[in-house]
Structure formats: structure tokens, C-alpha cells
PDB file of all heavy atoms in Angstrom:
ATOM      1  N   THR A   1       0.884  -1.182  -0.035  1.00  0.00           N
ATOM      2  CA  THR A   1       0.011  -0.085  -0.029  1.00  0.00           C
ATOM      3  C   THR A   1       0.841   1.238   0.009  1.00  0.00           C
ATOM      4  O   THR A   1       1.749   1.391   0.893  1.00  0.00           O
ATOM      5  CB  THR A   1      -0.875   0.014   1.249  1.00  0.00           C
ATOM      6  OG1 THR A   1      -1.716  -1.180   1.250  1.00  0.00           O
ATOM      7  CG2 THR A   1      -1.783   1.248   1.250  1.00  0.00           C
ATOM      8  N   VAL A   2       0.707   2.098  -0.982  1.00  0.00           N
ATOM      9  CA  VAL A   2       1.496   3.245  -1.081  1.00  0.00           C
ATOM     10  C   VAL A   2       0.758   4.436  -0.369  1.00  0.00           C
ATOM     11  O   VAL A   2      -0.469   4.630  -0.648  1.00  0.00           O
ATOM     12  CB  VAL A   2       1.630   3.704  -2.591  1.00  0.00           C
ATOM     13  CG1 VAL A   2       2.397   4.993  -2.700  1.00  0.00           C
ATOM     14  CG2 VAL A   2       2.445   2.601  -3.321  1.00  0.00           C
ATOM     15  N   ASP A   3       1.380   5.039   0.500  1.00  0.00           N
ATOM     16  CA  ASP A   3       0.716   6.103   1.413  1.00  0.00           C
ATOM     17  C   ASP A   3       0.894   7.339   0.526  1.00  0.00           C
ATOM     18  O   ASP A   3       1.929   7.902   0.327  1.00  0.00           O
ATOM     19  CB  ASP A   3       1.587   6.269   2.686  1.00  0.00           C
ATOM     20  CG  ASP A   3       0.976   7.338   3.551  1.00  0.00           C
ATOM     21  OD1 ASP A   3      -0.187   7.687   3.341  1.00  0.00           O
ATOM     22  OD2 ASP A   3       1.716   7.854   4.506  1.00  0.00           O
ATOM     23  N   VAL A   4      -0.319   7.842   0.181  1.00  0.00           N
ATOM     24  CA  VAL A   4      -0.440   9.148  -0.540  1.00  0.00           C
ATOM     25  C   VAL A   4      -0.856  10.287   0.423  1.00  0.00           C
ATOM     26  O   VAL A   4      -1.944  10.200   0.926  1.00  0.00           O
ATOM     27  CB  VAL A   4      -1.383   9.043  -1.715  1.00  0.00           C
ATOM     28  CG1 VAL A   4      -1.510  10.355  -2.498  1.00  0.00           C
ATOM     29  CG2 VAL A   4      -0.994   7.911  -2.713  1.00  0.00           C
ATOM     30  N   GLN A   5       0.039  11.266   0.603  1.00  0.00           N
ATOM     31  CA  GLN A   5      -0.291  12.332   1.437  1.00  0.00           C
ATOM     32  C   GLN A   5      -0.717  13.495   0.546  1.00  0.00           C
ATOM     33  O   GLN A   5       0.145  14.163  -0.086  1.00  0.00           O
ATOM     34  CB  GLN A   5       0.968  12.690   2.335  1.00  0.00           C
ATOM     35  CG  GLN A   5       1.410  11.590   3.228  1.00  0.00           C
ATOM     36  CD  GLN A   5       2.626  11.973   4.041  1.00  0.00           C
ATOM     37  OE1 GLN A   5       3.168  13.098   3.920  1.00  0.00           O
ATOM     38  NE2 GLN A   5       3.009  11.059   4.882  1.00  0.00           N
ATOM     39  N   ASP A   6      -1.969  13.762   0.533  1.00  0.00           N
ATOM     40  CA  ASP A   6      -2.565  14.718  -0.410  1.00  0.00           C
ATOM     41  C   ASP A   6      -2.037  16.152  -0.002  1.00  0.00           C
ATOM     42  O   ASP A   6      -2.058  16.624   1.190  1.00  0.00           O
ATOM     43  CB  ASP A   6      -4.006  14.789  -0.384  1.00  0.00           C
ATOM     44  CG  ASP A   6      -4.558  13.569  -1.008  1.00  0.00           C
ATOM     45  OD1 ASP A   6      -4.041  13.068  -2.016  1.00  0.00           O
ATOM     46  OD2 ASP A   6      -5.677  13.003  -0.526  1.00  0.00           O
ATOM     47  N   GLY A   7      -1.386  16.922  -0.914  1.00  0.00           N
ATOM     48  CA  GLY A   7      -0.993  18.228  -0.780  1.00  0.00           C
ATOM     49  C   GLY A   7      -2.118  19.133  -1.257  1.00  0.00           C
ATOM     50  O   GLY A   7      -3.318  18.785  -1.321  1.00  0.00           O
ATOM     51  N   SER A   8      -1.651  20.312  -1.608  1.00  0.00           N
ATOM     52  CA  SER A   8      -2.663  21.304  -2.169  1.00  0.00           C
ATOM     53  C   SER A   8      -3.168  20.865  -3.559  1.00  0.00           C
ATOM     54  O   SER A   8      -2.462  20.170  -4.243  1.00  0.00           O
ATOM     55  CB  SER A   8      -1.989  22.668  -2.312  1.00  0.00           C
ATOM     56  OG  SER A   8      -0.889  22.665  -3.135  1.00  0.00           O
ATOM     57  N   ALA A   9      -4.485  21.219  -3.752  1.00  0.00           N
ATOM     58  CA  ALA A   9      -4.967  20.819  -5.092  1.00  0.00           C
ATOM     59  C   ALA A   9      -4.278  21.629  -6.193  1.00  0.00           C
ATOM     60  O   ALA A   9      -4.312  22.848  -6.135  1.00  0.00           O
ATOM     61  CB  ALA A   9      -6.532  21.120  -5.064  1.00  0.00           C
ATOM     62  N   VAL A  10      -3.737  20.953  -7.167  1.00  0.00           N
ATOM     63  CA  VAL A  10      -3.001  21.655  -8.171  1.00  0.00           C
ATOM     64  C   VAL A  10      -3.041  20.733  -9.459  1.00  0.00           C
ATOM     65  O   VAL A  10      -3.157  19.631  -9.434  1.00  0.00           O
ATOM     66  CB  VAL A  10      -1.469  21.735  -7.695  1.00  0.00           C
ATOM     67  CG1 VAL A  10      -0.820  20.479  -7.446  1.00  0.00           C
ATOM     68  CG2 VAL A  10      -0.666  22.543  -8.763  1.00  0.00           C
ATOM     69  N   SER A  11      -3.051  21.469 -10.548  1.00  0.00           N
ATOM     70  CA  SER A  11      -2.987  20.841 -11.842  1.00  0.00           C
ATOM     71  C   SER A  11      -1.655  21.169 -12.442  1.00  0.00           C
ATOM     72  O   SER A  11      -1.138  22.352 -12.414  1.00  0.00           O
ATOM     73  CB  SER A  11      -4.053  21.392 -12.875  1.00  0.00           C
ATOM     74  OG  SER A  11      -5.353  21.061 -12.344  1.00  0.00           O
ATOM     75  N   VAL A  12      -1.065  20.199 -13.081  1.00  0.00           N
ATOM     76  CA  VAL A  12       0.303  20.331 -13.769  1.00  0.00           C
ATOM     77  C   VAL A  12       0.108  20.375 -15.327  1.00  0.00           C
ATOM     78  O   VAL A  12      -0.855  19.731 -15.794  1.00  0.00           O
ATOM     79  CB  VAL A  12       1.296  19.244 -13.303  1.00  0.00           C
ATOM     80  CG1 VAL A  12       1.586  19.388 -11.810  1.00  0.00           C
ATOM     81  CG2 VAL A  12       0.765  17.850 -13.721  1.00  0.00           C
ATOM     82  N   ARG A  13       1.087  21.029 -15.934  1.00  0.00           N
ATOM     83  CA  ARG A  13       1.111  21.076 -17.422  1.00  0.00           C
ATOM     84  C   ARG A  13       1.902  19.871 -17.860  1.00  0.00           C
ATOM     85  O   ARG A  13       3.126  19.855 -17.859  1.00  0.00           O
ATOM     86  CB  ARG A  13       1.630  22.344 -17.880  1.00  0.00           C
ATOM     87  CG  ARG A  13       1.577  22.563 -19.410  1.00  0.00           C
ATOM     88  CD  ARG A  13       1.885  23.990 -19.766  1.00  0.00           C
ATOM     89  NE  ARG A  13       3.190  24.379 -19.266  1.00  0.00           N
ATOM     90  CZ  ARG A  13       4.332  24.218 -19.908  1.00  0.00           C
ATOM     91  NH1 ARG A  13       4.261  23.697 -21.091  1.00  0.00           N
ATOM     92  NH2 ARG A  13       5.500  24.627 -19.343  1.00  0.00           N
ATOM     93  N   ALA A  14       1.270  18.794 -18.333  1.00  0.00           N
ATOM     94  CA  ALA A  14       1.989  17.534 -18.623  1.00  0.00           C
ATOM     95  C   ALA A  14       1.132  16.705 -19.601  1.00  0.00           C
ATOM     96  O   ALA A  14      -0.111  16.978 -19.814  1.00  0.00           O
ATOM     97  CB  ALA A  14       2.244  16.779 -17.374  1.00  0.00           C
ATOM     98  N   ASP A  15       1.790  15.669 -20.143  1.00  0.00           N
ATOM     99  CA  ASP A  15       1.186  14.663 -20.915  1.00  0.00           C
ATOM    100  C   ASP A  15       0.727  13.562 -19.890  1.00  0.00           C
ATOM    101  O   ASP A  15       1.576  13.020 -19.228  1.00  0.00           O
ATOM    102  CB  ASP A  15       2.200  14.036 -21.877  1.00  0.00           C
ATOM    103  CG  ASP A  15       1.502  12.942 -22.849  1.00  0.00           C
ATOM    104  OD1 ASP A  15       0.956  12.077 -22.283  1.00  0.00           O
ATOM    105  OD2 ASP A  15       1.702  13.021 -24.024  1.00  0.00           O
ATOM    106  N   PRO A  16      -0.604  13.310 -19.788  1.00  0.00           N
ATOM    107  CA  PRO A  16      -0.998  12.383 -18.691  1.00  0.00           C
ATOM    108  C   PRO A  16      -0.447  11.028 -18.824  1.00  0.00           C
ATOM    109  O   PRO A  16      -0.044  10.385 -17.746  1.00  0.00           O
ATOM    110  CB  PRO A  16      -2.583  12.390 -18.919  1.00  0.00           C
ATOM    111  CG  PRO A  16      -2.796  12.877 -20.270  1.00  0.00           C
ATOM    112  CD  PRO A  16      -1.660  13.817 -20.560  1.00  0.00           C
ATOM    113  N   ASP A  17      -0.357  10.471 -19.993  1.00  0.00           N
ATOM    114  CA  ASP A  17       0.240   9.142 -20.131  1.00  0.00           C
ATOM    115  C   ASP A  17       1.748   9.130 -19.736  1.00  0.00           C
ATOM    116  O   ASP A  17       2.199   8.177 -19.069  1.00  0.00           O
ATOM    117  CB  ASP A  17       0.083   8.638 -21.583  1.00  0.00           C
ATOM    118  CG  ASP A  17      -1.387   8.486 -21.929  1.00  0.00           C
ATOM    119  OD1 ASP A  17      -2.203   8.145 -20.979  1.00  0.00           O
ATOM    120  OD2 ASP A  17      -1.682   8.549 -23.094  1.00  0.00           O
ATOM    121  N   GLN A  18       2.453  10.067 -20.199  1.00  0.00           N
ATOM    122  CA  GLN A  18       3.969  10.193 -19.847  1.00  0.00           C
ATOM    123  C   GLN A  18       4.104  10.385 -18.415  1.00  0.00           C
ATOM    124  O   GLN A  18       5.129   9.884 -17.713  1.00  0.00           O
ATOM    125  CB  GLN A  18       4.642  11.157 -20.692  1.00  0.00           C
ATOM    126  CG  GLN A  18       4.724  10.810 -22.186  1.00  0.00           C
ATOM    127  CD  GLN A  18       5.670  11.651 -23.007  1.00  0.00           C
ATOM    128  OE1 GLN A  18       6.408  12.415 -22.467  1.00  0.00           O
ATOM    129  NE2 GLN A  18       5.456  11.602 -24.314  1.00  0.00           N
ATOM    130  N   LEU A  19       3.368  11.329 -17.842  1.00  0.00           N
ATOM    131  CA  LEU A  19       3.514  11.611 -16.429  1.00  0.00           C
ATOM    132  C   LEU A  19       3.180  10.355 -15.565  1.00  0.00           C
ATOM    133  O   LEU A  19       3.873  10.100 -14.624  1.00  0.00           O
ATOM    134  CB  LEU A  19       2.580  12.789 -16.022  1.00  0.00           C
ATOM    135  CG  LEU A  19       2.490  13.077 -14.513  1.00  0.00           C
ATOM    136  CD1 LEU A  19       3.947  13.472 -13.983  1.00  0.00           C
ATOM    137  CD2 LEU A  19       1.527  14.248 -14.267  1.00  0.00           C
ATOM    138  N   GLU A  20       2.116   9.673 -15.924  1.00  0.00           N
ATOM    139  CA  GLU A  20       1.826   8.435 -15.192  1.00  0.00           C
ATOM    140  C   GLU A  20       2.963   7.402 -15.318  1.00  0.00           C
ATOM    141  O   GLU A  20       3.201   6.676 -14.419  1.00  0.00           O
ATOM    142  CB  GLU A  20       0.532   7.918 -15.704  1.00  0.00           C
ATOM    143  CG  GLU A  20      -0.059   6.643 -14.969  1.00  0.00           C
ATOM    144  CD  GLU A  20      -1.451   6.246 -15.501  1.00  0.00           C
ATOM    145  OE1 GLU A  20      -2.165   7.137 -15.816  1.00  0.00           O
ATOM    146  OE2 GLU A  20      -1.714   5.030 -15.440  1.00  0.00           O
ATOM    147  N   GLN A  21       3.492   7.310 -16.495  1.00  0.00           N
ATOM    148  CA  GLN A  21       4.588   6.338 -16.754  1.00  0.00           C
ATOM    149  C   GLN A  21       5.748   6.683 -15.882  1.00  0.00           C
ATOM    150  O   GLN A  21       6.404   5.857 -15.218  1.00  0.00           O
ATOM    151  CB  GLN A  21       4.976   6.380 -18.202  1.00  0.00           C
ATOM    152  CG  GLN A  21       5.849   5.131 -18.639  1.00  0.00           C
ATOM    153  CD  GLN A  21       5.015   3.869 -18.668  1.00  0.00           C
ATOM    154  OE1 GLN A  21       3.942   3.835 -19.146  1.00  0.00           O
ATOM    155  NE2 GLN A  21       5.622   2.808 -18.057  1.00  0.00           N
ATOM    156  N   ALA A  22       6.162   7.998 -15.808  1.00  0.00           N
ATOM    157  CA  ALA A  22       7.238   8.394 -14.971  1.00  0.00           C
ATOM    158  C   ALA A  22       7.030   8.199 -13.525  1.00  0.00           C
ATOM    159  O   ALA A  22       7.938   7.596 -12.769  1.00  0.00           O
ATOM    160  CB  ALA A  22       7.630   9.872 -15.192  1.00  0.00           C
ATOM    161  N   LEU A  23       5.857   8.530 -13.029  1.00  0.00           N
ATOM    162  CA  LEU A  23       5.561   8.219 -11.640  1.00  0.00           C
ATOM    163  C   LEU A  23       5.512   6.709 -11.321  1.00  0.00           C
ATOM    164  O   LEU A  23       5.942   6.301 -10.190  1.00  0.00           O
ATOM    165  CB  LEU A  23       4.145   8.826 -11.264  1.00  0.00           C
ATOM    166  CG  LEU A  23       4.172  10.425 -11.257  1.00  0.00           C
ATOM    167  CD1 LEU A  23       2.806  10.929 -11.057  1.00  0.00           C
ATOM    168  CD2 LEU A  23       5.109  10.943 -10.140  1.00  0.00           C
ATOM    169  N   LEU A  24       4.976   5.963 -12.226  1.00  0.00           N
ATOM    170  CA  LEU A  24       4.894   4.473 -12.013  1.00  0.00           C
ATOM    171  C   LEU A  24       6.356   3.889 -11.849  1.00  0.00           C
ATOM    172  O   LEU A  24       6.628   3.057 -10.975  1.00  0.00           O
ATOM    173  CB  LEU A  24       4.184   3.821 -13.157  1.00  0.00           C
ATOM    174  CG  LEU A  24       4.066   2.273 -13.135  1.00  0.00           C
ATOM    175  CD1 LEU A  24       3.305   1.947 -11.857  1.00  0.00           C
ATOM    176  CD2 LEU A  24       3.422   1.808 -14.348  1.00  0.00           C
ATOM    177  N   ASN A  25       7.291   4.421 -12.738  1.00  0.00           N
ATOM    178  CA  ASN A  25       8.578   3.949 -12.654  1.00  0.00           C
ATOM    179  C   ASN A  25       9.241   4.203 -11.240  1.00  0.00           C
ATOM    180  O   ASN A  25       9.862   3.404 -10.590  1.00  0.00           O
ATOM    181  CB  ASN A  25       9.467   4.563 -13.713  1.00  0.00           C
ATOM    182  CG  ASN A  25       9.161   3.990 -15.114  1.00  0.00           C
ATOM    183  OD1 ASN A  25       8.694   2.889 -15.238  1.00  0.00           O
ATOM    184  ND2 ASN A  25       9.438   4.725 -16.083  1.00  0.00           N
ATOM    185  N   LEU A  26       8.998   5.455 -10.808  1.00  0.00           N
ATOM    186  CA  LEU A  26       9.606   5.949  -9.529  1.00  0.00           C
ATOM    187  C   LEU A  26       8.941   5.216  -8.340  1.00  0.00           C
ATOM    188  O   LEU A  26       9.547   4.783  -7.387  1.00  0.00           O
ATOM    189  CB  LEU A  26       9.404   7.389  -9.351  1.00  0.00           C
ATOM    190  CG  LEU A  26      10.141   8.289 -10.371  1.00  0.00           C
ATOM    191  CD1 LEU A  26       9.732   9.788 -10.142  1.00  0.00           C
ATOM    192  CD2 LEU A  26      11.618   8.095 -10.308  1.00  0.00           C
ATOM    193  N   VAL A  27       7.692   5.011  -8.411  1.00  0.00           N
ATOM    194  CA  VAL A  27       6.945   4.234  -7.346  1.00  0.00           C
ATOM    195  C   VAL A  27       7.448   2.783  -7.220  1.00  0.00           C
ATOM    196  O   VAL A  27       7.654   2.218  -6.179  1.00  0.00           O
ATOM    197  CB  VAL A  27       5.405   4.380  -7.443  1.00  0.00           C
ATOM    198  CG1 VAL A  27       4.685   3.461  -6.460  1.00  0.00           C
ATOM    199  CG2 VAL A  27       5.007   5.728  -7.227  1.00  0.00           C
ATOM    200  N   ARG A  28       7.544   2.202  -8.382  1.00  0.00           N
ATOM    201  CA  ARG A  28       7.939   0.791  -8.404  1.00  0.00           C
ATOM    202  C   ARG A  28       9.391   0.629  -7.938  1.00  0.00           C
ATOM    203  O   ARG A  28       9.758  -0.290  -7.199  1.00  0.00           O
ATOM    204  CB  ARG A  28       7.849   0.279  -9.838  1.00  0.00           C
ATOM    205  CG  ARG A  28       6.375   0.009 -10.262  1.00  0.00           C
ATOM    206  CD  ARG A  28       6.407  -0.683 -11.711  1.00  0.00           C
ATOM    207  NE  ARG A  28       7.067  -2.043 -11.630  1.00  0.00           N
ATOM    208  CZ  ARG A  28       6.603  -3.101 -11.221  1.00  0.00           C
ATOM    209  NH1 ARG A  28       5.274  -3.096 -10.779  1.00  0.00           N
ATOM    210  NH2 ARG A  28       7.218  -4.261 -11.188  1.00  0.00           N
ATOM    211  N   ASN A  29      10.302   1.581  -8.267  1.00  0.00           N
ATOM    212  CA  ASN A  29      11.667   1.511  -7.711  1.00  0.00           C
ATOM    213  C   ASN A  29      11.612   1.641  -6.204  1.00  0.00           C
ATOM    214  O   ASN A  29      12.376   1.020  -5.554  1.00  0.00           O
ATOM    215  CB  ASN A  29      12.585   2.677  -8.326  1.00  0.00           C
ATOM    216  CG  ASN A  29      12.866   2.324  -9.822  1.00  0.00           C
ATOM    217  OD1 ASN A  29      12.777   1.110 -10.188  1.00  0.00           O
ATOM    218  ND2 ASN A  29      13.330   3.282 -10.502  1.00  0.00           N
ATOM    219  N   ALA A  30      10.804   2.615  -5.701  1.00  0.00           N
ATOM    220  CA  ALA A  30      10.749   2.853  -4.319  1.00  0.00           C
ATOM    221  C   ALA A  30      10.207   1.598  -3.562  1.00  0.00           C
ATOM    222  O   ALA A  30      10.643   1.200  -2.488  1.00  0.00           O
ATOM    223  CB  ALA A  30       9.897   4.071  -4.010  1.00  0.00           C
ATOM    224  N   ALA A  31       9.136   0.969  -4.160  1.00  0.00           N
ATOM    225  CA  ALA A  31       8.629  -0.280  -3.670  1.00  0.00           C
ATOM    226  C   ALA A  31       9.656  -1.378  -3.556  1.00  0.00           C
ATOM    227  O   ALA A  31       9.731  -2.128  -2.595  1.00  0.00           O
ATOM    228  CB  ALA A  31       7.363  -0.725  -4.341  1.00  0.00           C
ATOM    229  N   ASP A  32      10.388  -1.513  -4.585  1.00  0.00           N
ATOM    230  CA  ASP A  32      11.451  -2.491  -4.622  1.00  0.00           C
ATOM    231  C   ASP A  32      12.433  -2.300  -3.487  1.00  0.00           C
ATOM    232  O   ASP A  32      12.895  -3.308  -2.918  1.00  0.00           O
ATOM    233  CB  ASP A  32      12.219  -2.499  -6.016  1.00  0.00           C
ATOM    234  CG  ASP A  32      11.340  -3.002  -7.143  1.00  0.00           C
ATOM    235  OD1 ASP A  32      10.356  -3.758  -6.879  1.00  0.00           O
ATOM    236  OD2 ASP A  32      11.714  -2.589  -8.324  1.00  0.00           O
ATOM    237  N   ALA A  33      12.846  -1.080  -3.313  1.00  0.00           N
ATOM    238  CA  ALA A  33      13.828  -0.763  -2.235  1.00  0.00           C
ATOM    239  C   ALA A  33      13.114  -1.043  -0.818  1.00  0.00           C
ATOM    240  O   ALA A  33      13.769  -1.578   0.069  1.00  0.00           O
ATOM    241  CB  ALA A  33      14.324   0.615  -2.337  1.00  0.00           C
ATOM    242  N   ALA A  34      11.926  -0.543  -0.651  1.00  0.00           N
ATOM    243  CA  ALA A  34      11.255  -0.738   0.634  1.00  0.00           C
ATOM    244  C   ALA A  34      11.016  -2.139   1.025  1.00  0.00           C
ATOM    245  O   ALA A  34      11.045  -2.531   2.247  1.00  0.00           O
ATOM    246  CB  ALA A  34       9.937   0.093   0.617  1.00  0.00           C
ATOM    247  N   ARG A  35      10.787  -3.027   0.109  1.00  0.00           N
ATOM    248  CA  ARG A  35      10.569  -4.405   0.389  1.00  0.00           C
ATOM    249  C   ARG A  35      11.801  -5.099   0.923  1.00  0.00           C
ATOM    250  O   ARG A  35      11.602  -6.114   1.596  1.00  0.00           O
ATOM    251  CB  ARG A  35      10.081  -5.128  -0.920  1.00  0.00           C
ATOM    252  CG  ARG A  35       8.669  -4.682  -1.362  1.00  0.00           C
ATOM    253  CD  ARG A  35       8.269  -5.418  -2.612  1.00  0.00           C
ATOM    254  NE  ARG A  35       8.131  -6.902  -2.339  1.00  0.00           N
ATOM    255  CZ  ARG A  35       8.047  -7.851  -3.320  1.00  0.00           C
ATOM    256  NH1 ARG A  35       8.094  -7.450  -4.574  1.00  0.00           N
ATOM    257  NH2 ARG A  35       7.886  -9.092  -3.006  1.00  0.00           N
ATOM    258  N   GLN A  36      12.957  -4.598   0.696  1.00  0.00           N
ATOM    259  CA  GLN A  36      14.102  -5.115   1.230  1.00  0.00           C
ATOM    260  C   GLN A  36      14.286  -4.965   2.724  1.00  0.00           C
ATOM    261  O   GLN A  36      14.932  -5.931   3.379  1.00  0.00           O
ATOM    262  CB  GLN A  36      15.463  -4.537   0.563  1.00  0.00           C
ATOM    263  CG  GLN A  36      15.417  -4.682  -0.951  1.00  0.00           C
ATOM    264  CD  GLN A  36      16.688  -4.091  -1.545  1.00  0.00           C
ATOM    265  OE1 GLN A  36      17.743  -4.019  -0.907  1.00  0.00           O
ATOM    266  NE2 GLN A  36      16.481  -3.550  -2.822  1.00  0.00           N
TER     267      GLN A  36
END
């Protein structure tokens, strides 16, 4: 379970698919490290 701490409501100027892909890579790397 990834703990999401909601910050201020904000919209970013981005490509939704690419942004999701980048965040997914970072979250998966973090999960791999945390499981150790």
C-alpha cells in the first residue's frame, strides 16, 4: 500500500500518459527498495 499524502489541489502542465509512466517507474523503484 502506497501512502499518498494529499497536498494542495494543483494541476500540472503535462502529458497524462507520460507523467503516469514516470511516476509509475519511480513508485515501483521505491517499492522494490522498501521491500528489502
